Protein backbone atom coordinates (compact mmCIF):
# COMPACT_ATOMS: atom_id res chain seq x y z
CA MET A 1 41.04 13.70 -37.63
CA ILE A 2 38.02 12.15 -39.32
CA LEU A 3 35.68 12.98 -36.43
CA GLU A 4 36.32 16.66 -37.10
CA THR A 5 35.19 16.25 -40.71
CA LEU A 6 32.22 14.03 -39.78
CA PRO A 7 30.80 15.58 -36.59
CA ALA A 8 27.61 13.49 -36.83
CA VAL A 9 29.65 10.43 -35.87
CA ARG A 10 30.18 11.93 -32.41
CA LEU A 11 26.42 11.89 -31.91
CA LEU A 12 26.08 8.15 -32.48
CA SER A 13 25.51 5.82 -29.55
CA PRO A 14 28.43 3.60 -28.52
CA ARG A 15 26.64 0.62 -30.08
CA ASP A 16 26.15 2.46 -33.38
CA LYS A 17 29.79 3.59 -33.35
CA ARG A 18 30.91 -0.05 -32.96
CA GLN A 19 28.60 -1.10 -35.79
CA LEU A 20 29.95 1.69 -37.98
CA ALA A 21 33.52 0.61 -37.20
CA GLU A 22 32.69 -3.01 -38.14
CA GLU A 23 31.05 -1.92 -41.37
CA LEU A 24 34.00 0.29 -42.25
CA LEU A 25 36.46 -2.54 -41.61
CA ASP A 26 34.37 -4.97 -43.67
CA SER A 27 34.16 -2.44 -46.47
CA ALA A 28 37.91 -1.80 -46.38
CA ASP A 29 38.62 -5.55 -46.42
CA ALA A 30 36.29 -6.05 -49.37
CA GLU A 31 37.89 -3.22 -51.31
CA ASP A 32 41.41 -4.18 -50.28
CA GLY A 33 41.00 -7.80 -51.26
CA GLU A 34 43.58 -8.73 -48.66
CA VAL A 35 42.79 -10.43 -45.39
CA VAL A 36 45.54 -10.45 -42.81
CA VAL A 37 45.96 -13.85 -41.17
CA ASP A 38 48.15 -14.43 -38.15
CA ALA A 39 51.39 -16.29 -39.01
CA ALA A 40 50.76 -18.90 -36.30
CA ILE A 41 47.37 -19.71 -37.80
CA MET A 42 48.89 -20.05 -41.26
CA GLU A 43 51.58 -22.40 -39.89
CA LEU A 44 48.92 -24.54 -38.22
CA LEU A 45 46.86 -24.69 -41.40
CA ASP A 46 49.95 -25.58 -43.43
CA ARG A 47 50.79 -28.44 -41.03
CA ARG A 48 47.25 -29.77 -41.15
CA LEU A 49 47.13 -29.57 -44.93
CA ALA A 50 50.46 -31.41 -45.18
CA ALA A 51 49.23 -34.08 -42.76
CA HIS A 52 46.09 -34.55 -44.84
CA ALA A 53 48.11 -34.72 -48.08
CA ALA A 54 50.34 -37.38 -46.52
CA ASN A 55 47.39 -39.50 -45.35
CA PRO A 56 44.07 -38.43 -46.91
CA GLN A 57 42.28 -41.50 -45.56
CA ALA A 58 42.89 -40.43 -41.95
CA VAL A 59 39.64 -38.50 -41.60
CA SER A 60 36.66 -38.57 -39.27
CA THR A 61 33.02 -38.20 -40.12
CA TRP A 62 31.12 -35.33 -38.58
CA GLU A 63 29.24 -37.83 -36.42
CA GLU A 64 32.55 -39.27 -35.09
CA VAL A 65 33.81 -35.79 -34.25
CA GLN A 66 30.57 -34.92 -32.45
CA SER A 67 30.72 -38.16 -30.50
CA ARG A 68 34.29 -37.47 -29.32
CA VAL A 69 33.52 -33.87 -28.41
CA PHE A 70 30.35 -34.65 -26.52
CA SER A 71 31.84 -37.68 -24.75
CA GLY A 72 34.49 -35.38 -23.24
CA ARG A 73 37.44 -36.88 -25.12
CA GLY A 74 37.99 -33.74 -27.20
CA ALA A 75 38.74 -33.71 -30.89
């Protein structure tokens, strides 16, 4: 186990351990070059991209989106 080879990690506060874990994951992702994306998210993005390709004029300005969100109508 890594904690046996790096005993100083055991001495870190819980907050510092979480920060270390985040930094290690970020570092691994950067080195790996591969980001894992949930299949459901990819399907949603693919559908939205296809819908945009089919009708690129069907867009809203940022102001229109804000107005709908803040008026309670949702996006």
